[in-house]
Protein backbone atom coordinates (compact mmCIF):
# COMPACT_ATOMS: atom_id res chain seq x y z
CA MET A 1 202.58 44.41 150.01
CA LYS A 2 200.38 47.19 148.72
CA GLN A 3 201.46 50.79 148.45
CA LYS A 4 199.28 53.81 148.04
CA ILE A 5 199.93 56.07 145.04
CA ALA A 6 198.30 59.08 143.47
CA ILE A 7 197.45 59.08 139.77
CA THR A 8 195.69 61.49 137.45
CA LEU A 9 193.11 60.10 135.05
CA ASP A 10 190.86 61.60 132.43
CA ARG A 11 187.37 62.06 133.81
CA ASP A 12 185.86 59.59 131.31
CA LEU A 13 188.42 56.92 132.26
CA LEU A 14 187.63 57.35 135.94
CA SER A 15 183.92 57.02 135.18
CA PHE A 16 184.63 53.82 133.29
CA ILE A 17 186.69 52.44 136.18
CA ASP A 18 183.95 53.30 138.64
CA ARG A 19 181.38 51.45 136.52
CA GLN A 20 183.59 48.35 136.31
CA ALA A 21 185.19 48.30 139.75
CA ASN A 22 182.19 47.25 141.85
CA GLY A 23 183.18 49.74 144.51
CA ASN A 24 186.87 48.86 144.74
CA ARG A 25 189.02 50.84 142.33
CA SER A 26 192.26 49.50 143.79
CA ASP A 27 191.36 45.84 143.33
CA TYR A 28 190.08 46.52 139.83
CA LEU A 29 193.23 48.37 138.76
CA ASN A 30 195.46 45.73 140.41
CA SER A 31 193.62 43.05 138.45
CA LEU A 32 193.98 44.91 135.14
CA ILE A 33 197.67 45.58 135.66
CA THR A 34 198.31 41.98 136.73
CA GLN A 35 196.63 40.72 133.55
CA GLU A 36 198.66 43.12 131.42
CA ARG A 37 201.90 42.10 133.14
CA ARG A 38 201.13 38.42 132.47
CA LYS A 39 200.49 39.19 128.79
CA ILE A 40 203.74 41.12 128.47
CA LEU A 41 205.76 38.41 130.23
CA ALA A 42 204.20 35.69 128.05
CA ASN A 43 205.10 37.68 124.94
CA GLU A 44 208.65 38.17 126.20
CA ILE A 45 208.97 34.41 126.73
CA VAL A 46 207.76 33.73 123.18
CA VAL A 47 210.27 36.22 121.76
CA ALA A 48 213.09 34.70 123.83
CA LEU A 49 212.20 31.18 122.67
CA GLN A 50 212.06 32.34 119.07
CA GLU A 51 215.49 33.94 119.44
CA ASP A 52 216.84 30.75 121.04
CA SER A 53 215.49 28.67 118.18
CA GLN A 54 217.62 30.73 115.78
CA ASP A 55 220.83 30.60 117.86
CA PRO A 56 223.19 27.89 116.55
CA GLU A 57 225.19 27.76 119.80
CA TYR A 58 222.04 27.29 121.87
CA LEU A 59 220.72 24.62 119.50
CA ALA A 60 224.05 22.76 119.65
CA GLU A 61 223.96 22.85 123.45
CA ILE A 62 220.39 21.52 123.52
CA ALA A 63 221.38 18.74 121.11
CA GLU A 64 224.26 17.82 123.41
CA TRP A 65 221.96 17.73 126.45
CA ASP A 66 219.48 15.59 124.51
CA ARG A 67 222.27 13.18 123.59
CA LEU A 68 223.49 12.99 127.21
CA ALA A 69 220.05 12.74 128.76
CA GLY A 70 219.64 9.18 127.53
CA ASP A 71 223.22 8.16 128.28
CA GLY A 72 223.28 5.00 130.34
CA ILE A 73 219.55 4.38 130.38
CA ASP A 74 219.95 0.97 128.77
CA ALA A 75 222.91 0.05 130.96
């Protein structure tokens, strides 16, 4: 669902947007913000995975799951 907002931009930024937007500022800005959000979320995932890889409790739990995952396969 889209929602209308009002923003204030520097004149040179608005000129840049108008040159890039192909007549649709909203779609252009939505696209830019979506790309930025994806980048931020990807970085947050990397940081979380790095933190997990340093957490002894998490690593022990993963090792336990790995051990159990194969339990009974050869039965």
